[in-house]
Protein backbone atom coordinates (compact mmCIF):
# COMPACT_ATOMS: atom_id res chain seq x y z
CA MET A 1 -14.37 -18.21 27.70
CA LYS A 2 -15.70 -15.89 25.52
CA ASN A 3 -17.62 -13.51 26.06
CA GLU A 4 -20.82 -13.02 25.26
CA PHE A 5 -20.90 -9.58 24.40
CA ASP A 6 -18.07 -10.53 21.92
CA LYS A 7 -20.50 -11.23 18.94
CA PHE A 8 -20.93 -7.18 18.88
CA ARG A 9 -17.53 -6.47 18.55
CA PRO A 10 -15.80 -6.19 15.11
CA PRO A 11 -14.53 -9.65 13.79
CA LYS A 12 -11.19 -10.77 14.43
CA GLY A 13 -8.49 -8.89 12.42
CA THR A 14 -10.73 -6.07 11.80
CA ARG A 15 -11.34 -2.73 13.41
CA ASP A 16 -12.98 0.52 13.32
CA TYR A 17 -11.23 3.82 12.25
CA PHE A 18 -12.36 7.34 13.83
CA GLU A 19 -11.44 10.74 12.19
CA SER A 20 -8.00 11.03 13.95
CA ASP A 21 -6.81 8.13 12.20
CA LEU A 22 -8.49 8.48 9.01
CA ILE A 23 -7.51 11.73 8.53
CA GLN A 24 -3.43 10.64 8.95
CA ARG A 25 -4.43 8.00 5.94
CA GLU A 26 -6.07 10.70 3.80
CA LEU A 27 -3.40 12.77 4.00
CA MET A 28 -1.37 9.44 2.53
CA GLU A 29 -3.53 8.96 -0.08
CA SER A 30 -3.34 12.10 -0.95
CA LEU A 31 0.38 12.20 -1.74
CA PHE A 32 -0.11 8.95 -3.22
CA PHE A 33 -3.14 9.40 -5.45
CA GLY A 34 -1.37 12.92 -6.48
CA THR A 35 2.35 11.17 -7.09
CA ALA A 36 0.73 8.56 -9.06
CA ARG A 37 -1.02 10.56 -11.24
CA SER A 38 1.62 13.07 -12.12
CA PHE A 39 3.87 10.32 -13.81
CA GLY A 40 0.21 9.14 -16.15
CA PHE A 41 -0.83 6.64 -14.05
CA GLN A 42 -4.95 6.41 -13.49
CA ARG A 43 -7.01 5.17 -10.51
CA ILE A 44 -8.61 1.37 -10.82
CA GLU A 45 -11.35 -0.09 -8.15
CA THR A 46 -12.02 -3.78 -8.78
CA PRO A 47 -15.48 -5.48 -7.52
CA THR A 48 -14.75 -6.61 -3.67
CA PHE A 49 -15.28 -10.50 -4.50
CA GLU A 50 -14.54 -12.31 -7.55
CA HIS A 51 -15.00 -15.82 -8.73
CA PHE A 52 -12.88 -18.19 -7.47
CA GLU A 53 -11.20 -19.24 -10.99
CA VAL A 54 -9.49 -15.46 -11.30
CA PHE A 55 -7.21 -16.25 -7.84
CA ASN A 56 -7.29 -19.77 -9.00
CA SER A 57 -5.84 -19.23 -12.60
CA THR A 58 -3.31 -17.02 -11.82
CA SER A 59 -1.69 -18.75 -8.37
CA ARG A 60 -2.46 -21.81 -6.39
CA LEU A 61 -4.86 -20.33 -4.20
CA ASN A 62 -5.21 -21.60 -0.39
CA ARG A 63 -9.23 -21.94 -0.30
CA GLU A 64 -7.94 -22.09 4.11
CA LYS A 65 -6.32 -19.03 3.60
CA CYS A 66 -8.74 -16.25 2.05
CA TYR A 67 -12.61 -15.74 2.39
CA ASN A 68 -14.59 -17.85 0.13
CA PHE A 69 -18.38 -18.46 0.36
CA ASN A 70 -20.77 -19.97 -2.75
CA ASP A 71 -24.04 -17.33 -3.78
CA LYS A 72 -26.94 -18.35 -4.20
CA SER A 73 -26.65 -19.86 -7.35
CA GLU A 74 -23.94 -22.15 -5.89
CA ARG A 75 -20.85 -20.19 -7.87
CA GLU A 76 -17.35 -20.08 -5.33
CA LEU A 77 -16.93 -16.70 -4.89
CA VAL A 78 -13.84 -15.12 -3.12
CA LEU A 79 -13.53 -11.99 -0.93
CA ARG A 80 -10.68 -10.01 -2.74
CA SER A 81 -7.89 -11.40 -1.28
CA ASP A 82 -4.83 -9.33 -4.01
CA LEU A 83 -5.66 -6.57 -6.64
CA ASN A 84 -3.15 -7.84 -9.28
CA ALA A 85 -5.38 -11.14 -10.35
CA PRO A 86 -9.07 -8.86 -9.85
CA ILE A 87 -6.96 -6.32 -12.24
CA SER A 88 -5.41 -8.18 -14.79
CA ARG A 89 -8.87 -9.92 -15.44
CA ALA A 90 -10.57 -6.06 -15.43
CA VAL A 91 -7.65 -5.56 -18.32
CA VAL A 92 -8.70 -8.68 -20.55
CA ASN A 93 -12.34 -8.03 -19.92
CA ASN A 94 -11.64 -4.25 -21.44
CA PHE A 95 -8.43 -4.82 -23.57
CA SER A 96 -10.27 -3.36 -26.55
CA LYS A 97 -10.90 0.42 -24.56
CA LEU A 98 -7.60 0.75 -22.54
CA PRO A 99 -4.49 2.65 -23.89
CA ILE A 100 -1.35 0.57 -24.20
CA PRO A 101 0.34 0.73 -22.16
CA ALA A 102 -2.35 0.79 -19.29
CA LYS A 103 -0.67 2.02 -16.18
CA PHE A 104 -3.12 1.70 -12.75
CA PHE A 105 -2.71 2.55 -9.48
CA PHE A 106 -5.19 1.15 -6.58
CA ASN A 107 -6.35 1.85 -2.92
CA SER A 108 -8.46 -0.80 -2.09
CA ASN A 109 -9.52 -3.43 0.97
CA VAL A 110 -8.27 -6.98 0.71
CA TYR A 111 -9.24 -9.64 2.92
CA ARG A 112 -6.95 -12.39 4.03
CA TYR A 113 -8.29 -15.25 6.75
CA ARG A 114 -5.19 -16.38 7.70
CA HIS A 115 -3.50 -13.35 8.55
CA TYR A 116 -5.55 -13.04 12.14
CA LEU A 117 -4.44 -10.11 13.30
CA SER A 118 -4.98 -8.42 10.04
CA ARG A 119 -8.08 -10.10 8.36
CA GLU A 120 -9.09 -6.46 6.42
CA PHE A 121 -6.62 -3.86 5.37
CA THR A 122 -5.91 -1.66 2.86
CA MET A 123 -3.55 -2.57 0.10
CA SER A 124 -2.19 0.48 -2.38
CA GLY A 125 0.04 -0.08 -5.40
CA LEU A 126 1.08 0.58 -8.74
CA GLU A 127 0.73 -1.93 -11.79
CA SER A 128 2.08 -1.22 -15.42
CA TYR A 129 0.49 -3.55 -18.73
CA GLY A 130 1.75 -3.80 -22.32
CA ILE A 131 5.83 -2.94 -21.47
CA LYS A 132 8.06 -5.56 -22.39
CA GLY A 133 11.50 -3.81 -20.96
CA TYR A 134 12.43 -3.15 -17.39
CA GLU A 135 11.70 0.72 -18.03
CA ALA A 136 8.05 -0.62 -16.46
CA GLU A 137 9.98 -1.51 -13.57
CA ILE A 138 12.14 1.61 -13.38
CA GLU A 139 8.69 4.06 -14.02
CA ILE A 140 7.23 1.97 -10.56
CA LEU A 141 10.27 2.28 -8.61
CA LEU A 142 10.57 6.49 -9.37
CA VAL A 143 7.16 6.88 -8.64
CA MET A 144 7.67 4.88 -5.10
CA ASN A 145 10.96 6.91 -4.88
CA GLU A 146 8.94 10.37 -5.03
CA ILE A 147 6.43 9.38 -2.61
CA LEU A 148 9.61 7.87 0.07
CA LYS A 149 11.03 11.51 -0.91
CA SER A 150 8.15 13.67 -0.26
CA LEU A 151 7.85 11.75 3.37
CA GLU A 152 11.89 12.79 4.02
CA LEU A 153 12.62 9.10 3.89
CA LYS A 154 16.39 8.20 3.41
CA ASP A 155 17.24 4.98 5.06
CA TYR A 156 15.98 2.75 2.53
CA ARG A 157 17.28 0.62 -0.19
CA ILE A 158 16.21 -1.62 -3.48
CA GLU A 159 16.81 -5.10 -3.08
CA PHE A 160 15.94 -7.00 -6.57
CA SER A 161 16.02 -10.78 -7.59
CA ASN A 162 14.90 -12.78 -10.57
CA LEU A 163 13.37 -16.16 -9.98
CA ASN A 164 13.67 -17.24 -12.70
CA ILE A 165 17.42 -18.67 -12.28
CA TYR A 166 16.08 -21.13 -9.97
CA SER A 167 13.28 -22.05 -12.22
CA GLU A 168 15.87 -22.45 -15.25
CA TYR A 169 18.28 -24.07 -12.82
CA LEU A 170 16.09 -26.81 -11.98
CA ASN A 171 14.95 -27.00 -15.63
CA TYR A 172 18.57 -27.59 -16.51
CA ILE A 173 18.94 -30.32 -13.30
CA THR A 174 15.50 -32.35 -14.37
CA LYS A 175 16.60 -32.78 -17.87
CA LYS A 176 20.37 -33.62 -17.40
CA TYR A 177 19.12 -36.00 -15.07
CA ASN A 178 15.69 -37.29 -15.80
CA LEU A 179 14.15 -36.50 -13.11
CA ASP A 180 9.86 -36.37 -11.96
CA ILE A 181 10.16 -33.54 -9.60
CA ASP A 182 7.39 -30.89 -8.36
CA GLN A 183 9.87 -27.72 -8.99
CA GLU A 184 7.24 -24.74 -7.84
CA LYS A 185 6.61 -27.13 -4.78
CA ILE A 186 10.50 -27.11 -4.24
CA LEU A 187 10.79 -23.62 -4.45
CA TYR A 188 7.78 -22.53 -2.30
CA ARG A 189 9.22 -24.96 0.48
CA LEU A 190 12.62 -23.30 0.09
CA SER A 191 10.77 -19.56 0.39
CA PHE A 192 9.73 -20.59 3.83
CA SER A 193 12.79 -22.28 4.89
CA HIS A 194 14.59 -21.12 7.93
CA SER A 195 18.00 -23.07 8.18
CA TYR A 196 20.91 -24.85 6.05
CA GLN A 197 19.21 -27.99 7.04
CA GLU A 198 16.10 -27.64 5.97
CA ASN A 199 17.35 -26.72 2.73
CA VAL A 200 18.95 -30.08 2.58
CA GLU A 201 16.30 -31.88 3.63
CA ILE A 202 13.98 -30.16 1.18
CA LEU A 203 16.51 -30.91 -2.06
CA SER A 204 17.42 -34.22 -0.95
CA SER A 205 15.47 -35.58 -4.00
CA LEU A 206 18.19 -33.92 -6.64
CA PRO A 207 21.80 -34.84 -6.70
CA LYS A 208 24.15 -33.94 -4.23
CA MET A 209 26.33 -31.72 -5.99
CA GLU A 210 23.35 -29.64 -7.37
CA ALA A 211 21.13 -29.72 -3.91
CA GLY A 212 24.84 -28.45 -2.45
CA ILE A 213 24.74 -25.85 -5.31
CA ILE A 214 21.25 -24.22 -4.73
CA CYS A 215 22.07 -24.42 -0.82
CA GLN A 216 25.18 -21.82 -1.79
CA MET A 217 22.80 -19.67 -3.52
CA LEU A 218 20.61 -19.54 -0.68
CA SER A 219 23.10 -17.96 1.52
CA CYS A 220 25.06 -15.87 -0.85
CA ASN A 221 25.54 -12.07 0.08
CA GLY A 222 27.81 -11.35 -2.50
CA GLY A 223 25.53 -9.79 -5.38
CA ILE A 224 25.66 -10.00 -8.56
CA ALA A 225 28.97 -10.96 -9.18
CA GLU A 226 28.95 -13.92 -6.98
CA SER A 227 26.22 -15.05 -7.91
CA ILE A 228 27.25 -15.34 -11.44
CA SER A 229 30.42 -17.27 -9.99
CA LEU A 230 28.11 -19.86 -8.45
CA LEU A 231 26.65 -20.70 -11.78
CA SER A 232 28.73 -19.92 -14.70
CA SER A 233 29.42 -23.46 -15.10
CA PHE A 234 26.39 -24.45 -16.13
CA PHE A 235 25.66 -21.23 -18.95
CA GLU A 236 27.18 -23.24 -21.89
CA GLU A 237 24.52 -26.14 -21.18
CA SER A 238 21.93 -23.88 -20.28
CA PRO A 239 22.09 -20.44 -22.42
CA ILE A 240 18.69 -19.46 -20.65
CA LEU A 241 20.26 -19.35 -17.13
CA LYS A 242 22.84 -17.37 -18.64
CA ASP A 243 20.03 -15.00 -20.09
CA GLU A 244 18.14 -14.49 -16.95
CA PHE A 245 21.56 -13.53 -15.51
CA ASP A 246 22.25 -10.92 -18.07
CA LYS A 247 18.55 -9.88 -17.26
CA ILE A 248 19.87 -9.12 -13.95
CA VAL A 249 22.77 -7.29 -15.29
CA ASP A 250 20.38 -5.23 -17.39
CA PHE A 251 18.21 -4.34 -14.43
CA ASP A 252 20.74 -3.41 -12.27
CA GLN A 253 22.83 -0.71 -15.19
CA LYS A 254 18.70 1.03 -15.54
CA LEU A 255 18.92 1.57 -11.44
CA VAL A 256 22.13 3.33 -11.80
CA ALA A 257 21.07 5.27 -14.88
CA HIS A 258 18.19 6.44 -13.13
CA GLY A 259 20.25 7.43 -9.63
CA PHE A 260 19.58 4.40 -7.51
CA ILE A 261 22.66 4.11 -6.15
CA ASN A 262 21.47 2.25 -2.61
CA ARG A 263 20.47 -0.93 -4.21
CA LYS A 264 21.14 -4.88 -3.91
CA PHE A 265 20.74 -8.02 -5.92
CA ASP A 266 19.50 -10.53 -2.97
CA ILE A 267 19.47 -13.65 -4.62
CA THR A 268 18.32 -15.51 -1.54
CA ASN A 269 14.90 -14.11 -1.73
CA LEU A 270 12.44 -16.25 -3.16
CA HIS A 271 9.36 -14.42 -2.12
CA GLY A 272 6.82 -14.89 -4.49
CA ILE A 273 7.22 -18.33 -6.24
CA GLY A 274 4.15 -19.67 -8.06
CA PHE A 275 2.82 -15.89 -8.40
CA TYR A 276 5.65 -13.75 -9.80
CA THR A 277 7.28 -14.93 -13.61
CA GLY A 278 10.36 -13.41 -13.31
CA LEU A 279 12.19 -10.38 -11.76
CA THR A 280 10.94 -9.39 -8.38
CA TYR A 281 12.22 -6.21 -6.54
CA ARG A 282 11.54 -4.17 -3.16
CA PHE A 283 11.89 -1.48 -1.11
CA TYR A 284 13.79 -2.58 2.30
CA SER A 285 14.42 -0.30 5.72
CA ASP A 286 16.76 -1.01 8.10
CA THR A 287 15.23 1.19 10.50
CA ILE A 288 12.31 -1.18 10.63
CA ASN A 289 14.13 -4.46 9.40
CA LYS A 290 11.02 -4.85 7.54
CA LYS A 291 10.32 -4.19 3.53
CA ILE A 292 8.17 -1.09 2.34
CA ALA A 293 7.00 -1.94 -0.82
CA ASP A 294 7.45 -5.55 -2.75
CA GLY A 295 6.53 -6.46 -6.42
CA GLY A 296 7.45 -8.58 -9.17
CA ARG A 297 6.58 -9.36 -12.86
CA TYR A 298 3.95 -11.51 -13.60
CA ASP A 299 3.43 -11.49 -17.25
CA THR A 300 1.28 -14.93 -17.68
CA PHE A 301 -1.97 -13.46 -15.43
CA THR A 302 -3.81 -12.21 -18.72
CA LYS A 303 -3.30 -15.52 -20.76
CA SER A 304 -4.63 -17.30 -17.28
CA LEU A 305 -7.45 -15.25 -17.45
CA GLY A 306 -8.11 -16.05 -21.10
CA GLY A 307 -6.75 -12.93 -22.96
CA LYS A 308 -3.54 -12.91 -24.74
CA GLU A 309 -0.44 -12.42 -22.85
CA ILE A 310 0.60 -8.69 -21.69
CA PRO A 311 3.86 -8.18 -20.14
CA ALA A 312 2.84 -7.18 -16.42
CA THR A 313 4.79 -5.75 -13.68
CA GLY A 314 3.45 -3.98 -10.20
CA ILE A 315 4.20 -3.47 -6.69
CA GLY A 316 2.31 -3.10 -3.20
CA PHE A 317 2.42 -1.82 0.08
CA THR A 318 0.55 -0.44 2.58
CA LEU A 319 -0.23 3.66 3.34
CA ASN A 320 0.29 2.62 7.19
CA ARG A 321 3.76 1.20 7.08
CA LEU A 322 4.92 4.19 5.02
CA MET A 323 3.35 6.17 7.59
CA ASP A 324 4.42 4.35 10.66
CA LEU A 325 8.20 4.73 9.18
CA ALA A 326 8.11 8.43 8.48
CA LYS A 327 6.37 8.87 12.46
CA LEU A 328 9.54 6.79 13.20
CA GLN A 329 11.83 9.32 11.85
CA GLY A 330 10.13 12.04 12.65
CA SER A 331 9.25 13.53 8.64
CA PHE A 332 5.36 12.99 9.15
CA GLN A 333 3.92 15.69 11.40
CA ILE A 334 -0.08 15.92 11.30
CA LYS A 335 -1.13 19.62 12.03
CA LYS A 336 -4.27 20.28 14.27
CA PRO A 337 -7.32 20.98 12.22
CA ARG A 338 -8.12 24.43 11.85
CA GLY A 339 -11.46 24.77 13.47
CA PHE A 340 -13.78 25.89 15.87
CA LEU A 341 -17.17 25.41 17.52
CA VAL A 342 -19.75 28.20 17.25
CA VAL A 343 -22.71 29.11 19.84
CA ALA A 344 -24.83 31.34 18.68
CA ASP A 345 -27.64 33.36 20.24
CA ASP A 346 -31.17 32.39 19.07
CA LYS A 347 -31.60 36.07 18.20
CA ILE A 348 -28.95 36.14 15.07
CA PRO A 349 -30.93 35.50 11.87
CA PHE A 350 -29.75 32.16 10.46
CA LEU A 351 -29.06 33.19 7.02
CA ASP A 352 -26.47 36.18 8.16
CA LEU A 353 -25.31 33.90 10.57
CA GLU A 354 -24.43 31.17 7.97
CA ASN A 355 -23.22 33.88 5.19
CA LEU A 356 -20.39 34.73 8.02
CA LEU A 357 -19.36 30.72 8.68
CA ASN A 358 -19.18 29.87 5.17
CA VAL A 359 -16.48 32.54 4.33
CA PHE A 360 -14.54 30.81 7.03
CA ARG A 361 -15.66 27.35 5.72
CA SER A 362 -14.17 28.33 2.30
CA ASN A 363 -10.61 29.06 3.64
CA GLY A 364 -10.27 25.58 4.65
CA TRP A 365 -11.71 25.92 8.06
CA THR A 366 -13.72 23.65 10.01
CA VAL A 367 -16.85 25.65 11.56
CA GLU A 368 -19.34 23.62 13.24
CA LEU A 369 -22.50 25.25 14.52
CA GLU A 370 -23.50 24.18 17.82
CA MET A 371 -26.66 22.41 17.91
CA ILE A 372 -27.04 21.31 21.77
CA LYS A 373 -28.15 23.49 24.57
CA ARG A 374 -25.31 22.20 26.93
CA LYS A 375 -22.78 24.07 29.51
CA PHE A 376 -19.46 25.43 28.92
CA PRO A 377 -17.69 22.65 30.11
CA GLN A 378 -19.43 19.96 28.26
CA ARG A 379 -18.99 22.44 24.99
CA LEU A 380 -15.27 22.46 25.64
CA LYS A 381 -14.54 18.53 26.45
CA TYR A 382 -16.35 18.65 22.94
CA ALA A 383 -14.26 20.79 20.88
CA LYS A 384 -11.14 18.97 22.43
CA LEU A 385 -12.72 15.39 21.55
CA LYS A 386 -12.71 17.19 18.03
CA ASN A 387 -9.76 18.64 18.02
CA TYR A 388 -10.83 22.43 17.56
CA SER A 389 -8.50 25.39 18.36
CA GLY A 390 -11.50 26.78 20.55
CA ILE A 391 -15.10 27.65 20.69
CA VAL A 392 -16.55 31.20 19.46
CA TYR A 393 -19.61 32.57 21.25
CA LEU A 394 -21.95 34.83 19.28
CA LYS A 395 -24.47 36.69 21.41
CA TYR A 396 -26.86 39.79 20.82
CA SER A 397 -28.58 42.14 23.35
CA ASP A 398 -28.29 45.47 22.21
CA VAL A 399 -25.36 44.61 20.31
CA PHE A 400 -23.56 41.92 18.95
CA ARG A 401 -21.15 40.19 21.35
CA PHE A 402 -18.33 37.94 20.25
CA GLU A 403 -15.81 35.94 22.55
CA PHE A 404 -13.40 33.42 21.72
CA PHE A 405 -12.02 30.77 24.07
CA ASP A 406 -9.42 28.24 23.77
CA THR A 407 -9.86 24.49 24.68
CA TYR A 408 -8.08 25.56 28.17
CA GLY A 409 -11.00 27.37 28.71
CA LYS A 410 -9.35 30.42 28.43
CA SER A 411 -10.70 33.77 26.94
CA LEU A 412 -8.15 34.89 24.27
CA LEU A 413 -10.68 37.54 21.73
CA PHE A 414 -13.62 39.47 23.01
CA LYS A 415 -15.20 42.41 21.23
CA GLU A 416 -18.71 44.06 21.14
CA GLU A 417 -19.57 45.42 17.58
CA SER A 418 -23.40 46.79 16.23
CA SER A 419 -22.88 44.65 13.23
CA LEU A 420 -22.53 40.99 12.61
CA ASN A 421 -20.76 41.72 9.75
CA SER A 422 -18.12 43.37 11.56
CA PHE A 423 -17.05 40.31 13.14
CA GLU A 424 -15.89 39.04 10.11
CA ASP A 425 -12.37 41.10 11.11
CA ILE A 426 -12.08 39.53 14.12
CA PHE A 427 -12.28 35.97 12.62
CA ASN A 428 -9.65 36.60 10.04
CA VAL A 429 -7.44 36.96 13.29
CA LEU A 430 -8.47 33.29 13.53
CA LEU A 431 -7.53 32.40 10.15
CA ILE A 432 -3.64 33.01 10.76
């Protein structure tokens, strides 16, 4: 039974974030933004909601999996469920103003009804438009690699695949046997299959031998050579299939040339069917047994949105996963904020006091002036909750009096001076 107060809680799959969470996020964002900009990527932000057609034109959008609604003019709109389609739409709309290649990074909230534990979350990523070859993917992987290196993460590898290998093989089978099948539906179902027997059932409409070869592909762990061996007998009748494998070999060689030694071709990975249009790639961590980031080609998006076809590729990830992995490996430490609460006597001229405190603010300290009259224990509790280093008391009688307490209530510094300005030297002790 639902509690009557549930209506006043955040909706399921959303949460509130406070300073301790946001400070960590800001540090990660700063690392990501700085690294992306150092490679020539520029930030982009798209509207929170888009016309339904923007998403449905680029891939089949299941209305049950997103937040969609009609506005007052009965136009169907969708809360941003992904970033690739909106950014592609922005490229089409602003193509004449953009430098080509157009390289973007993003860090925006997305909304997905199907993710009941996390229906609103921040997605980050990199996109590149206008580069035909795999140099675009390599550059994106280099940016990601720099971020992971900055976090001192080592336990990861690059996994890659080519979805066109499956689609071209199905094209070959369709023409050879004159079949009428929904290739995309078959591949989509296979991408969610969990067993060999399930694969056999999904492929039951295909000739037995060809279905068996696809099943072998879906269980192949031998890398590029073994995958080519499986299908090489079909290259003569299907040159396009050979071309798709040639692309994989080319990409693998580029990875090696750029220092990516820990890599794996994974033909079993069908992630992104119906979305990506060829090469897919991801960073994978054995420590958490999960992907860190994943991406791929979507060369047809801009054409689907009314523009000319522009080669495009991109990768997406969440900063939270990077942060969790870094914490797990002990390479991400949040330093205690440098700050203190200042309790000042009313007799001290406010402008003189502010001039003094601004010295420390300009040096990166948080210096908060107490605005409430309360007892010391309550002030101490407040300073702890704000993660300050302690409390500074400034009083005036015949002389100025300075006292600094740490968050355990222990007095660490005490001094009396004739001038408020003389306390700047004492404050400077706290800046070390």
